[in-house]
Amino acid sequence: MEETIMPSKCKALIIGGSAGSLDVLLEIFPLLSDEIDFPIILVTHRKSGNDALLSDLLRSRTKLKVNEAEEKDKIQPGNVYIAPADYHLLIEENETFSLDYSEKVNYSRPSIDVTFHSAAEVFKDKLVCILLSGSNADGVAGLKTVKSSGGLVVIQNPKTAVMPYMPQQAANEIEGGIILNANEMAEFINKLYSYKTS
């Protein structure tokens, strides 16, 4: 890890992933500090009807509060929110969620790109986004927006990904992204600190 970039102010952390990302999430969450005071938002490609499975898995592995994101939910520090299956998850200017059933992006709904783009508009340079294992390029364009908005971009080392295509595309196209092995991510997240406006 590049210690020179640590720590970083964080008003929201968004983690995106597809095939192979669940293993990484199950490795990260037991190691997360229960004192994290920024929201963590997960956007993963999963089939409709499996909504409770991911929530239950993560809930059993962390002391943080885990919920499915719902329409008009106020985004609260120290909570984990999971994008529901078959809906795009957007972040509104008043820091609430909006669910959208418009056409798929990168063959995906929820699309990681959609959430990254909307979050970058709201949180700008206080946004941290992590892109994990996956078999398509969803999330890459969104990371570019995050980077251009001043946010921090983190990419799973493709060599540690079950499906390296997604992180490899991000690494190829984004300059200045932080490349981390799966086993380095929990420490990285724990070193982030909350951005509180005065």
N, C-alpha and C. Protein backbone atom coordinates (compact mmCIF):
# COMPACT_ATOMS: atom_id res chain seq x y z
N MET A 1 0.84 -1.19 0.00
CA MET A 1 0.00 0.00 0.00
C MET A 1 0.87 1.25 0.00
N GLU A 2 0.33 2.33 -0.57
CA GLU A 2 1.04 3.58 -0.60
C GLU A 2 0.69 4.38 0.65
N GLU A 3 1.55 4.30 1.64
CA GLU A 3 1.26 4.95 2.91
C GLU A 3 1.16 6.46 2.76
N THR A 4 1.77 7.03 1.71
CA THR A 4 1.78 8.48 1.54
C THR A 4 0.38 9.04 1.32
N ILE A 5 -0.54 8.23 0.85
CA ILE A 5 -1.88 8.75 0.60
C ILE A 5 -2.80 8.56 1.80
N MET A 6 -2.29 7.99 2.88
CA MET A 6 -3.13 7.73 4.04
C MET A 6 -2.87 8.77 5.11
N PRO A 7 -3.83 9.11 5.96
CA PRO A 7 -5.23 8.75 5.77
C PRO A 7 -5.93 9.72 4.84
N SER A 8 -7.11 9.42 4.42
CA SER A 8 -7.89 10.30 3.55
C SER A 8 -9.26 10.56 4.17
N LYS A 9 -9.73 11.78 3.99
CA LYS A 9 -11.08 12.11 4.46
C LYS A 9 -12.09 11.37 3.60
N CYS A 10 -13.13 10.89 4.21
CA CYS A 10 -14.12 10.08 3.50
C CYS A 10 -15.52 10.42 4.00
N LYS A 11 -16.36 10.89 3.09
CA LYS A 11 -17.75 11.12 3.45
C LYS A 11 -18.62 9.94 3.05
N ALA A 12 -18.15 9.14 2.09
CA ALA A 12 -18.84 7.91 1.70
C ALA A 12 -17.86 6.99 1.00
N LEU A 13 -17.98 5.70 1.29
CA LEU A 13 -17.19 4.66 0.62
C LEU A 13 -18.14 3.80 -0.17
N ILE A 14 -17.85 3.62 -1.46
CA ILE A 14 -18.67 2.76 -2.30
C ILE A 14 -17.79 1.63 -2.83
N ILE A 15 -18.27 0.41 -2.69
CA ILE A 15 -17.55 -0.77 -3.17
C ILE A 15 -18.39 -1.42 -4.26
N GLY A 16 -17.81 -1.59 -5.44
CA GLY A 16 -18.50 -2.22 -6.55
C GLY A 16 -17.81 -3.51 -6.95
N GLY A 17 -18.60 -4.51 -7.32
CA GLY A 17 -17.99 -5.77 -7.74
C GLY A 17 -19.00 -6.66 -8.43
N SER A 18 -18.48 -7.64 -9.12
CA SER A 18 -19.33 -8.60 -9.81
C SER A 18 -18.82 -10.00 -9.49
N ALA A 19 -18.71 -10.86 -10.49
CA ALA A 19 -18.30 -12.24 -10.25
C ALA A 19 -16.96 -12.29 -9.50
N GLY A 20 -16.93 -13.04 -8.42
CA GLY A 20 -15.71 -13.18 -7.63
C GLY A 20 -15.55 -12.17 -6.52
N SER A 21 -16.45 -11.18 -6.46
CA SER A 21 -16.28 -10.14 -5.44
C SER A 21 -16.78 -10.56 -4.06
N LEU A 22 -17.70 -11.51 -4.01
CA LEU A 22 -18.25 -11.91 -2.71
C LEU A 22 -17.16 -12.44 -1.79
N ASP A 23 -16.24 -13.22 -2.33
CA ASP A 23 -15.15 -13.75 -1.50
C ASP A 23 -14.34 -12.62 -0.87
N VAL A 24 -14.12 -11.56 -1.64
CA VAL A 24 -13.36 -10.43 -1.11
C VAL A 24 -14.15 -9.73 -0.01
N LEU A 25 -15.44 -9.51 -0.24
CA LEU A 25 -16.27 -8.86 0.78
C LEU A 25 -16.28 -9.67 2.08
N LEU A 26 -16.36 -10.98 1.95
CA LEU A 26 -16.39 -11.84 3.15
C LEU A 26 -15.04 -11.86 3.86
N GLU A 27 -13.99 -11.50 3.14
CA GLU A 27 -12.67 -11.37 3.76
C GLU A 27 -12.53 -10.01 4.44
N ILE A 28 -13.09 -8.98 3.83
CA ILE A 28 -12.95 -7.62 4.34
C ILE A 28 -13.78 -7.38 5.60
N PHE A 29 -15.06 -7.76 5.56
CA PHE A 29 -16.00 -7.29 6.58
C PHE A 29 -15.70 -7.73 8.00
N PRO A 30 -15.21 -8.94 8.24
CA PRO A 30 -14.90 -9.29 9.63
C PRO A 30 -13.77 -8.45 10.22
N LEU A 31 -12.98 -7.82 9.38
CA LEU A 31 -11.81 -7.05 9.83
C LEU A 31 -12.08 -5.56 9.95
N LEU A 32 -13.29 -5.13 9.60
CA LEU A 32 -13.60 -3.70 9.66
C LEU A 32 -13.85 -3.25 11.09
N SER A 33 -13.33 -2.09 11.42
CA SER A 33 -13.54 -1.52 12.75
C SER A 33 -15.00 -1.14 12.94
N ASP A 34 -15.52 -1.37 14.14
CA ASP A 34 -16.90 -0.97 14.42
C ASP A 34 -16.99 0.52 14.73
N GLU A 35 -15.86 1.21 14.67
CA GLU A 35 -15.85 2.66 14.89
C GLU A 35 -15.89 3.45 13.58
N ILE A 36 -15.99 2.75 12.45
CA ILE A 36 -16.11 3.45 11.17
C ILE A 36 -17.30 4.39 11.21
N ASP A 37 -17.06 5.67 10.86
CA ASP A 37 -18.15 6.64 10.97
C ASP A 37 -18.44 7.32 9.62
N PHE A 38 -18.33 6.55 8.57
CA PHE A 38 -18.82 6.98 7.26
C PHE A 38 -19.63 5.82 6.68
N PRO A 39 -20.57 6.09 5.79
CA PRO A 39 -21.37 5.01 5.22
C PRO A 39 -20.58 4.19 4.21
N ILE A 40 -20.88 2.91 4.14
CA ILE A 40 -20.31 2.02 3.13
C ILE A 40 -21.48 1.53 2.26
N ILE A 41 -21.35 1.73 0.97
CA ILE A 41 -22.42 1.37 0.03
C ILE A 41 -21.89 0.29 -0.91
N LEU A 42 -22.59 -0.83 -0.99
CA LEU A 42 -22.17 -1.95 -1.84
C LEU A 42 -23.06 -2.05 -3.06
N VAL A 43 -22.43 -2.14 -4.23
CA VAL A 43 -23.16 -2.35 -5.48
C VAL A 43 -22.56 -3.59 -6.14
N THR A 44 -23.31 -4.68 -6.11
CA THR A 44 -22.82 -5.93 -6.70
C THR A 44 -23.85 -6.47 -7.69
N HIS A 45 -23.35 -7.17 -8.68
CA HIS A 45 -24.24 -7.80 -9.64
C HIS A 45 -24.75 -9.11 -9.04
N ARG A 46 -26.05 -9.19 -8.83
CA ARG A 46 -26.63 -10.42 -8.26
C ARG A 46 -28.03 -10.59 -8.79
N LYS A 47 -28.50 -11.81 -8.73
CA LYS A 47 -29.81 -12.13 -9.28
C LYS A 47 -30.93 -11.69 -8.34
N SER A 48 -32.03 -11.25 -8.94
CA SER A 48 -33.20 -10.89 -8.15
C SER A 48 -33.69 -12.11 -7.38
N GLY A 49 -34.13 -11.89 -6.16
CA GLY A 49 -34.61 -13.00 -5.33
C GLY A 49 -33.59 -13.45 -4.31
N ASN A 50 -32.33 -12.96 -4.45
CA ASN A 50 -31.30 -13.31 -3.48
C ASN A 50 -31.00 -12.15 -2.54
N ASP A 51 -31.97 -11.24 -2.41
CA ASP A 51 -31.74 -10.02 -1.64
C ASP A 51 -31.25 -10.28 -0.22
N ALA A 52 -31.90 -11.18 0.48
CA ALA A 52 -31.58 -11.38 1.90
C ALA A 52 -30.25 -12.11 2.10
N LEU A 53 -29.84 -12.88 1.11
CA LEU A 53 -28.65 -13.71 1.28
C LEU A 53 -27.40 -12.89 1.57
N LEU A 54 -27.13 -11.88 0.74
CA LEU A 54 -25.93 -11.06 0.94
C LEU A 54 -26.02 -10.28 2.24
N SER A 55 -27.18 -9.71 2.52
CA SER A 55 -27.35 -8.97 3.77
C SER A 55 -27.07 -9.86 4.98
N ASP A 56 -27.63 -11.06 4.97
CA ASP A 56 -27.45 -11.97 6.10
C ASP A 56 -25.99 -12.40 6.25
N LEU A 57 -25.34 -12.67 5.11
CA LEU A 57 -23.93 -13.07 5.15
C LEU A 57 -23.07 -11.98 5.78
N LEU A 58 -23.26 -10.75 5.34
CA LEU A 58 -22.44 -9.66 5.85
C LEU A 58 -22.80 -9.32 7.29
N ARG A 59 -24.08 -9.38 7.60
CA ARG A 59 -24.53 -9.07 8.96
C ARG A 59 -23.88 -10.02 9.98
N SER A 60 -23.67 -11.25 9.57
CA SER A 60 -23.08 -12.25 10.47
C SER A 60 -21.57 -12.07 10.62
N ARG A 61 -20.99 -11.16 9.83
CA ARG A 61 -19.54 -11.00 9.82
C ARG A 61 -19.07 -9.61 10.21
N THR A 62 -19.98 -8.74 10.63
CA THR A 62 -19.58 -7.39 11.03
C THR A 62 -20.49 -6.86 12.13
N LYS A 63 -19.94 -5.95 12.91
CA LYS A 63 -20.74 -5.29 13.93
C LYS A 63 -21.44 -4.05 13.37
N LEU A 64 -21.07 -3.67 12.16
CA LEU A 64 -21.72 -2.53 11.53
C LEU A 64 -23.15 -2.90 11.15
N LYS A 65 -24.02 -1.92 11.10
CA LYS A 65 -25.41 -2.14 10.74
C LYS A 65 -25.53 -2.32 9.23
N VAL A 66 -26.12 -3.42 8.78
CA VAL A 66 -26.23 -3.75 7.35
C VAL A 66 -27.70 -3.71 6.93
N ASN A 67 -28.00 -2.97 5.87
CA ASN A 67 -29.37 -2.86 5.38
C ASN A 67 -29.40 -2.85 3.85
N GLU A 68 -30.50 -3.30 3.29
CA GLU A 68 -30.77 -3.05 1.88
C GLU A 68 -31.12 -1.57 1.74
N ALA A 69 -30.56 -0.91 0.74
CA ALA A 69 -30.89 0.49 0.50
C ALA A 69 -32.33 0.59 0.01
N GLU A 70 -33.05 1.57 0.51
CA GLU A 70 -34.44 1.77 0.11
C GLU A 70 -34.65 3.21 -0.37
N GLU A 71 -35.66 3.38 -1.20
CA GLU A 71 -36.01 4.69 -1.74
C GLU A 71 -36.16 5.72 -0.62
N LYS A 72 -35.46 6.86 -0.79
CA LYS A 72 -35.53 8.01 0.11
C LYS A 72 -34.86 7.77 1.46
N ASP A 73 -34.17 6.63 1.65
CA ASP A 73 -33.39 6.43 2.87
C ASP A 73 -32.34 7.53 3.00
N LYS A 74 -32.22 8.11 4.18
CA LYS A 74 -31.14 9.05 4.46
C LYS A 74 -29.87 8.25 4.71
N ILE A 75 -28.79 8.60 4.04
CA ILE A 75 -27.53 7.87 4.17
C ILE A 75 -26.88 8.26 5.49
N GLN A 76 -26.71 7.28 6.36
CA GLN A 76 -26.23 7.52 7.72
C GLN A 76 -24.81 7.00 7.92
N PRO A 77 -23.97 7.74 8.63
CA PRO A 77 -22.61 7.28 8.93
C PRO A 77 -22.62 5.96 9.70
N GLY A 78 -21.62 5.13 9.47
CA GLY A 78 -21.47 3.89 10.22
C GLY A 78 -22.41 2.79 9.79
N ASN A 79 -23.15 3.00 8.71
CA ASN A 79 -24.06 1.98 8.20
C ASN A 79 -23.54 1.40 6.89
N VAL A 80 -23.89 0.15 6.64
CA VAL A 80 -23.60 -0.51 5.37
C VAL A 80 -24.90 -0.63 4.59
N TYR A 81 -24.90 -0.16 3.37
CA TYR A 81 -26.10 -0.23 2.52
C TYR A 81 -25.80 -1.08 1.29
N ILE A 82 -26.73 -1.96 0.94
CA ILE A 82 -26.57 -2.84 -0.21
C ILE A 82 -27.58 -2.46 -1.28
N ALA A 83 -27.09 -2.23 -2.49
CA ALA A 83 -27.98 -1.92 -3.60
C ALA A 83 -28.89 -3.11 -3.85
N PRO A 84 -30.21 -2.90 -3.91
CA PRO A 84 -31.12 -4.03 -4.14
C PRO A 84 -30.97 -4.58 -5.56
N ALA A 85 -31.22 -5.85 -5.70
CA ALA A 85 -31.15 -6.49 -7.01
C ALA A 85 -32.16 -5.86 -7.96
N ASP A 86 -31.74 -5.69 -9.20
CA ASP A 86 -32.62 -5.26 -10.30
C ASP A 86 -33.02 -3.79 -10.25
N TYR A 87 -32.33 -2.99 -9.45
CA TYR A 87 -32.55 -1.54 -9.43
C TYR A 87 -31.20 -0.82 -9.48
N HIS A 88 -31.13 0.25 -10.26
CA HIS A 88 -29.98 1.14 -10.15
C HIS A 88 -30.10 1.93 -8.85
N LEU A 89 -28.97 2.16 -8.20
CA LEU A 89 -28.95 2.91 -6.94
C LEU A 89 -28.27 4.25 -7.18
N LEU A 90 -29.02 5.34 -6.99
CA LEU A 90 -28.50 6.67 -7.18
C LEU A 90 -28.45 7.42 -5.86
N ILE A 91 -27.51 8.36 -5.78
CA ILE A 91 -27.37 9.21 -4.61
C ILE A 91 -27.89 10.60 -4.96
N GLU A 92 -28.82 11.10 -4.18
CA GLU A 92 -29.39 12.42 -4.43
C GLU A 92 -28.59 13.51 -3.70
N GLU A 93 -28.80 14.76 -4.11
CA GLU A 93 -28.05 15.89 -3.53
C GLU A 93 -28.27 16.02 -2.02
N ASN A 94 -29.44 15.60 -1.54
CA ASN A 94 -29.72 15.68 -0.10
C ASN A 94 -29.22 14.44 0.65
N GLU A 95 -28.36 13.65 -0.03
CA GLU A 95 -27.73 12.45 0.55
C GLU A 95 -28.76 11.41 0.98
N THR A 96 -29.73 11.21 0.10
CA THR A 96 -30.66 10.09 0.23
C THR A 96 -30.51 9.20 -0.99
N PHE A 97 -31.08 8.00 -0.91
CA PHE A 97 -31.04 7.06 -2.02
C PHE A 97 -32.24 7.24 -2.94
N SER A 98 -32.02 6.94 -4.19
CA SER A 98 -33.11 6.85 -5.16
C SER A 98 -32.93 5.56 -5.95
N LEU A 99 -34.01 4.81 -6.11
CA LEU A 99 -33.96 3.56 -6.87
C LEU A 99 -34.55 3.78 -8.25
N ASP A 100 -33.91 3.22 -9.25
CA ASP A 100 -34.29 3.48 -10.63
C ASP A 100 -34.36 2.16 -11.40
N TYR A 101 -35.43 2.00 -12.17
CA TYR A 101 -35.64 0.75 -12.91
C TYR A 101 -35.43 0.96 -14.42
N SER A 102 -34.64 1.94 -14.79
CA SER A 102 -34.39 2.19 -16.20
C SER A 102 -33.52 1.07 -16.79
N GLU A 103 -33.24 1.16 -18.07
CA GLU A 103 -32.56 0.08 -18.78
C GLU A 103 -31.20 -0.25 -18.16
N LYS A 104 -30.75 -1.46 -18.39
CA LYS A 104 -29.48 -1.91 -17.84
C LYS A 104 -28.33 -1.11 -18.44
N VAL A 105 -27.28 -0.96 -17.66
CA VAL A 105 -26.04 -0.31 -18.10
C VAL A 105 -24.94 -1.35 -17.99
N ASN A 106 -24.19 -1.54 -19.06
CA ASN A 106 -23.18 -2.61 -19.08
C ASN A 106 -23.82 -3.96 -18.74
N TYR A 107 -25.02 -4.18 -19.28
CA TYR A 107 -25.77 -5.42 -19.06
C TYR A 107 -26.13 -5.65 -17.60
N SER A 108 -26.10 -4.59 -16.80
CA SER A 108 -26.25 -4.76 -15.36
C SER A 108 -27.27 -3.78 -14.77
N ARG A 109 -28.03 -4.28 -13.80
CA ARG A 109 -28.93 -3.45 -12.98
C ARG A 109 -29.04 -4.14 -11.64
N PRO A 110 -28.39 -3.65 -10.59
CA PRO A 110 -27.78 -2.33 -10.52
C PRO A 110 -26.45 -2.25 -11.29
N SER A 111 -26.19 -1.07 -11.81
CA SER A 111 -24.91 -0.81 -12.47
C SER A 111 -23.99 -0.07 -11.51
N ILE A 112 -22.77 -0.53 -11.43
CA ILE A 112 -21.76 0.14 -10.60
C ILE A 112 -21.49 1.54 -11.13
N ASP A 113 -21.41 1.65 -12.47
CA ASP A 113 -21.18 2.96 -13.09
C ASP A 113 -22.21 3.98 -12.65
N VAL A 114 -23.47 3.60 -12.65
CA VAL A 114 -24.55 4.54 -12.31
C VAL A 114 -24.36 5.09 -10.90
N THR A 115 -24.05 4.22 -9.95
CA THR A 115 -23.87 4.66 -8.57
C THR A 115 -22.62 5.51 -8.42
N PHE A 116 -21.50 5.07 -9.03
CA PHE A 116 -20.27 5.86 -8.96
C PHE A 116 -20.48 7.26 -9.51
N HIS A 117 -21.14 7.36 -10.68
CA HIS A 117 -21.38 8.66 -11.31
C HIS A 117 -22.18 9.58 -10.39
N SER A 118 -23.30 9.08 -9.87
CA SER A 118 -24.18 9.94 -9.07
C SER A 118 -23.52 10.32 -7.75
N ALA A 119 -22.77 9.40 -7.16
CA ALA A 119 -22.08 9.69 -5.89
C ALA A 119 -20.99 10.73 -6.09
N ALA A 120 -20.29 10.67 -7.22
CA ALA A 120 -19.23 11.64 -7.50
C ALA A 120 -19.79 13.06 -7.57
N GLU A 121 -20.99 13.20 -8.10
CA GLU A 121 -21.62 14.52 -8.19
C GLU A 121 -21.96 15.09 -6.81
N VAL A 122 -22.27 14.19 -5.88
CA VAL A 122 -22.68 14.63 -4.54
C VAL A 122 -21.49 14.79 -3.60
N PHE A 123 -20.62 13.79 -3.55
CA PHE A 123 -19.55 13.77 -2.53
C PHE A 123 -18.22 14.31 -3.04
N LYS A 124 -18.06 14.41 -4.33
CA LYS A 124 -16.87 15.00 -4.97
C LYS A 124 -15.56 14.44 -4.38
N ASP A 125 -14.72 15.32 -3.81
CA ASP A 125 -13.39 14.87 -3.35
C ASP A 125 -13.43 14.16 -2.01
N LYS A 126 -14.61 13.98 -1.45
CA LYS A 126 -14.73 13.23 -0.17
C LYS A 126 -15.30 11.84 -0.41
N LEU A 127 -15.21 11.37 -1.66
CA LEU A 127 -15.72 10.05 -2.03
C LEU A 127 -14.55 9.09 -2.25
N VAL A 128 -14.69 7.88 -1.73
CA VAL A 128 -13.73 6.81 -1.98
C VAL A 128 -14.48 5.66 -2.64
N CYS A 129 -13.96 5.17 -3.77
CA CYS A 129 -14.62 4.07 -4.48
C CYS A 129 -13.62 2.94 -4.72
N ILE A 130 -14.09 1.73 -4.46
CA ILE A 130 -13.28 0.52 -4.65
C ILE A 130 -13.95 -0.35 -5.70
N LEU A 131 -13.17 -0.83 -6.66
CA LEU A 131 -13.70 -1.74 -7.68
C LEU A 131 -13.02 -3.10 -7.54
N LEU A 132 -13.86 -4.13 -7.39
CA LEU A 132 -13.38 -5.48 -7.14
C LEU A 132 -13.48 -6.36 -8.39
N SER A 133 -13.32 -7.64 -8.19
CA SER A 133 -13.38 -8.66 -9.23
C SER A 133 -14.67 -8.59 -10.04
N GLY A 134 -14.57 -8.87 -11.34
CA GLY A 134 -15.75 -8.91 -12.19
C GLY A 134 -15.39 -9.24 -13.62
N SER A 135 -16.40 -9.64 -14.39
CA SER A 135 -16.15 -10.15 -15.74
C SER A 135 -16.58 -9.19 -16.85
N ASN A 136 -17.04 -7.96 -16.48
CA ASN A 136 -17.26 -6.95 -17.52
C ASN A 136 -16.67 -5.63 -17.05
N ALA A 137 -16.87 -4.57 -17.83
CA ALA A 137 -16.20 -3.30 -17.53
C ALA A 137 -17.06 -2.34 -16.73
N ASP A 138 -18.17 -2.81 -16.16
CA ASP A 138 -19.01 -1.94 -15.35
C ASP A 138 -18.18 -1.37 -14.19
N GLY A 139 -18.29 -0.07 -13.99
CA GLY A 139 -17.55 0.57 -12.92
C GLY A 139 -16.36 1.38 -13.40
N VAL A 140 -15.82 1.05 -14.56
CA VAL A 140 -14.62 1.73 -15.05
C VAL A 140 -14.92 3.18 -15.40
N ALA A 141 -15.97 3.42 -16.18
CA ALA A 141 -16.34 4.80 -16.53
C ALA A 141 -16.70 5.61 -15.29
N GLY A 142 -17.37 4.95 -14.34
CA GLY A 142 -17.73 5.63 -13.10
C GLY A 142 -16.51 6.04 -12.29
N LEU A 143 -15.50 5.17 -12.27
CA LEU A 143 -14.27 5.51 -11.55
C LEU A 143 -13.58 6.71 -12.18
N LYS A 144 -13.66 6.82 -13.51
CA LYS A 144 -13.07 7.99 -14.17
C LYS A 144 -13.74 9.27 -13.70
N THR A 145 -15.06 9.23 -13.54
CA THR A 145 -15.79 10.39 -13.04
C THR A 145 -15.39 10.70 -11.61
N VAL A 146 -15.26 9.66 -10.78
CA VAL A 146 -14.83 9.84 -9.39
C VAL A 146 -13.46 10.52 -9.35
N LYS A 147 -12.55 10.02 -10.17
CA LYS A 147 -11.18 10.56 -10.20
C LYS A 147 -11.19 12.02 -10.64
N SER A 148 -11.95 12.34 -11.69
CA SER A 148 -11.99 13.71 -12.20
C SER A 148 -12.68 14.66 -11.23
N SER A 149 -13.49 14.11 -10.32
CA SER A 149 -14.17 14.92 -9.30
C SER A 149 -13.33 15.08 -8.04
N GLY A 150 -12.14 14.49 -8.04
CA GLY A 150 -11.24 14.61 -6.90
C GLY A 150 -11.33 13.49 -5.90
N GLY A 151 -12.18 12.50 -6.17
CA GLY A 151 -12.33 11.38 -5.25
C GLY A 151 -11.16 10.40 -5.34
N LEU A 152 -11.13 9.47 -4.42
CA LEU A 152 -10.06 8.48 -4.34
C LEU A 152 -10.51 7.18 -4.98
N VAL A 153 -9.70 6.65 -5.88
CA VAL A 153 -10.03 5.45 -6.65
C VAL A 153 -9.12 4.31 -6.20
N VAL A 154 -9.75 3.19 -5.85
CA VAL A 154 -9.02 2.00 -5.42
C VAL A 154 -9.45 0.82 -6.29
N ILE A 155 -8.47 0.07 -6.76
CA ILE A 155 -8.73 -1.04 -7.68
C ILE A 155 -8.11 -2.31 -7.10
N GLN A 156 -8.89 -3.39 -7.08
CA GLN A 156 -8.32 -4.66 -6.65
C GLN A 156 -7.23 -5.09 -7.62
N ASN A 157 -6.11 -5.53 -7.09
CA ASN A 157 -5.04 -6.06 -7.92
C ASN A 157 -5.61 -7.20 -8.77
N PRO A 158 -5.62 -7.04 -10.09
CA PRO A 158 -6.20 -8.10 -10.93
C PRO A 158 -5.61 -9.48 -10.68
N LYS A 159 -4.36 -9.52 -10.21
CA LYS A 159 -3.71 -10.81 -9.95
C LYS A 159 -4.35 -11.54 -8.78
N THR A 160 -5.09 -10.80 -7.93
CA THR A 160 -5.75 -11.43 -6.77
C THR A 160 -7.24 -11.61 -7.01
N ALA A 161 -7.72 -11.28 -8.22
CA ALA A 161 -9.16 -11.35 -8.51
C ALA A 161 -9.53 -12.67 -9.17
N VAL A 162 -10.65 -13.24 -8.74
CA VAL A 162 -11.17 -14.45 -9.37
C VAL A 162 -11.48 -14.16 -10.84
N MET A 163 -12.09 -13.01 -11.09
CA MET A 163 -12.36 -12.54 -12.45
C MET A 163 -11.61 -11.23 -12.64
N PRO A 164 -10.45 -11.26 -13.27
CA PRO A 164 -9.60 -10.07 -13.32
C PRO A 164 -10.00 -9.02 -14.35
N TYR A 165 -10.97 -9.32 -15.22
CA TYR A 165 -11.25 -8.41 -16.33
C TYR A 165 -11.64 -7.01 -15.85
N MET A 166 -12.56 -6.93 -14.90
CA MET A 166 -13.06 -5.63 -14.43
C MET A 166 -11.94 -4.78 -13.82
N PRO A 167 -11.22 -5.29 -12.83
CA PRO A 167 -10.14 -4.45 -12.26
C PRO A 167 -9.02 -4.19 -13.26
N GLN A 168 -8.77 -5.12 -14.17
CA GLN A 168 -7.71 -4.90 -15.15
C GLN A 168 -8.06 -3.75 -16.08
N GLN A 169 -9.34 -3.69 -16.50
CA GLN A 169 -9.77 -2.57 -17.36
C GLN A 169 -9.62 -1.24 -16.63
N ALA A 170 -9.97 -1.24 -15.35
CA ALA A 170 -9.83 -0.01 -14.57
C ALA A 170 -8.36 0.39 -14.43
N ALA A 171 -7.52 -0.58 -14.15
CA ALA A 171 -6.09 -0.29 -14.00
C ALA A 171 -5.49 0.22 -15.31
N ASN A 172 -5.98 -0.32 -16.43
CA ASN A 172 -5.47 0.10 -17.74
C ASN A 172 -5.86 1.53 -18.09
N GLU A 173 -7.06 1.94 -17.65
CA GLU A 173 -7.63 3.19 -18.14
C GLU A 173 -7.56 4.36 -17.16
N ILE A 174 -7.23 4.09 -15.90
CA ILE A 174 -7.24 5.16 -14.90
C ILE A 174 -5.85 5.36 -14.32
N GLU A 175 -5.31 6.55 -14.51
CA GLU A 175 -4.02 6.88 -13.93
C GLU A 175 -4.19 7.35 -12.49
N GLY A 176 -3.29 6.93 -11.63
CA GLY A 176 -3.32 7.39 -10.25
C GLY A 176 -4.25 6.62 -9.34
N GLY A 177 -4.83 5.53 -9.84
CA GLY A 177 -5.62 4.68 -8.95
C GLY A 177 -4.71 3.89 -8.02
N ILE A 178 -5.22 3.57 -6.85
CA ILE A 178 -4.47 2.79 -5.87
C ILE A 178 -4.78 1.32 -6.11
N ILE A 179 -3.76 0.51 -6.34
CA ILE A 179 -3.95 -0.93 -6.56
C ILE A 179 -3.68 -1.65 -5.25
N LEU A 180 -4.67 -2.40 -4.76
CA LEU A 180 -4.52 -3.13 -3.50
C LEU A 180 -4.86 -4.60 -3.69
N ASN A 181 -4.11 -5.45 -3.00
CA ASN A 181 -4.48 -6.85 -2.92
C ASN A 181 -5.72 -6.97 -2.03
N ALA A 182 -6.46 -8.03 -2.22
CA ALA A 182 -7.68 -8.23 -1.42
C ALA A 182 -7.39 -8.17 0.08
N ASN A 183 -6.25 -8.74 0.50
CA ASN A 183 -5.96 -8.79 1.93
C ASN A 183 -5.44 -7.47 2.50
N GLU A 184 -5.33 -6.44 1.66
CA GLU A 184 -4.91 -5.12 2.14
C GLU A 184 -6.09 -4.16 2.31
N MET A 185 -7.24 -4.56 1.85
CA MET A 185 -8.35 -3.60 1.76
C MET A 185 -8.96 -3.23 3.10
N ALA A 186 -9.09 -4.18 4.00
CA ALA A 186 -9.69 -3.87 5.30
C ALA A 186 -8.85 -2.85 6.05
N GLU A 187 -7.53 -3.02 6.03
CA GLU A 187 -6.65 -2.06 6.70
C GLU A 187 -6.78 -0.68 6.07
N PHE A 188 -6.85 -0.64 4.74
CA PHE A 188 -7.03 0.62 4.04
C PHE A 188 -8.31 1.32 4.48
N ILE A 189 -9.41 0.58 4.51
CA ILE A 189 -10.71 1.16 4.88
C ILE A 189 -10.68 1.66 6.33
N ASN A 190 -10.07 0.88 7.21
CA ASN A 190 -10.02 1.27 8.62
C ASN A 190 -9.21 2.54 8.85
N LYS A 191 -8.29 2.85 7.93
CA LYS A 191 -7.45 4.04 8.07
C LYS A 191 -8.11 5.29 7.49
N LEU A 192 -9.18 5.11 6.73
CA LEU A 192 -9.92 6.28 6.27
C LEU A 192 -10.57 6.95 7.47
N TYR A 193 -10.77 8.24 7.37
CA TYR A 193 -11.47 8.89 8.48
C TYR A 193 -12.57 9.79 7.95
N SER A 194 -13.56 9.93 8.77
CA SER A 194 -14.79 10.63 8.37
C SER A 194 -14.53 12.11 8.11
N TYR A 195 -15.22 12.63 7.09
CA TYR A 195 -15.20 14.07 6.83
C TYR A 195 -16.43 14.68 7.47
N LYS A 196 -16.23 15.53 8.44
CA LYS A 196 -17.35 16.19 9.11
C LYS A 196 -17.28 17.68 8.82
N THR A 197 -18.36 18.22 8.32
CA THR A 197 -18.42 19.66 8.07
C THR A 197 -18.60 20.38 9.40
N SER A 198 -18.01 21.55 9.49
CA SER A 198 -18.09 22.31 10.75
C SER A 198 -19.39 23.09 10.83
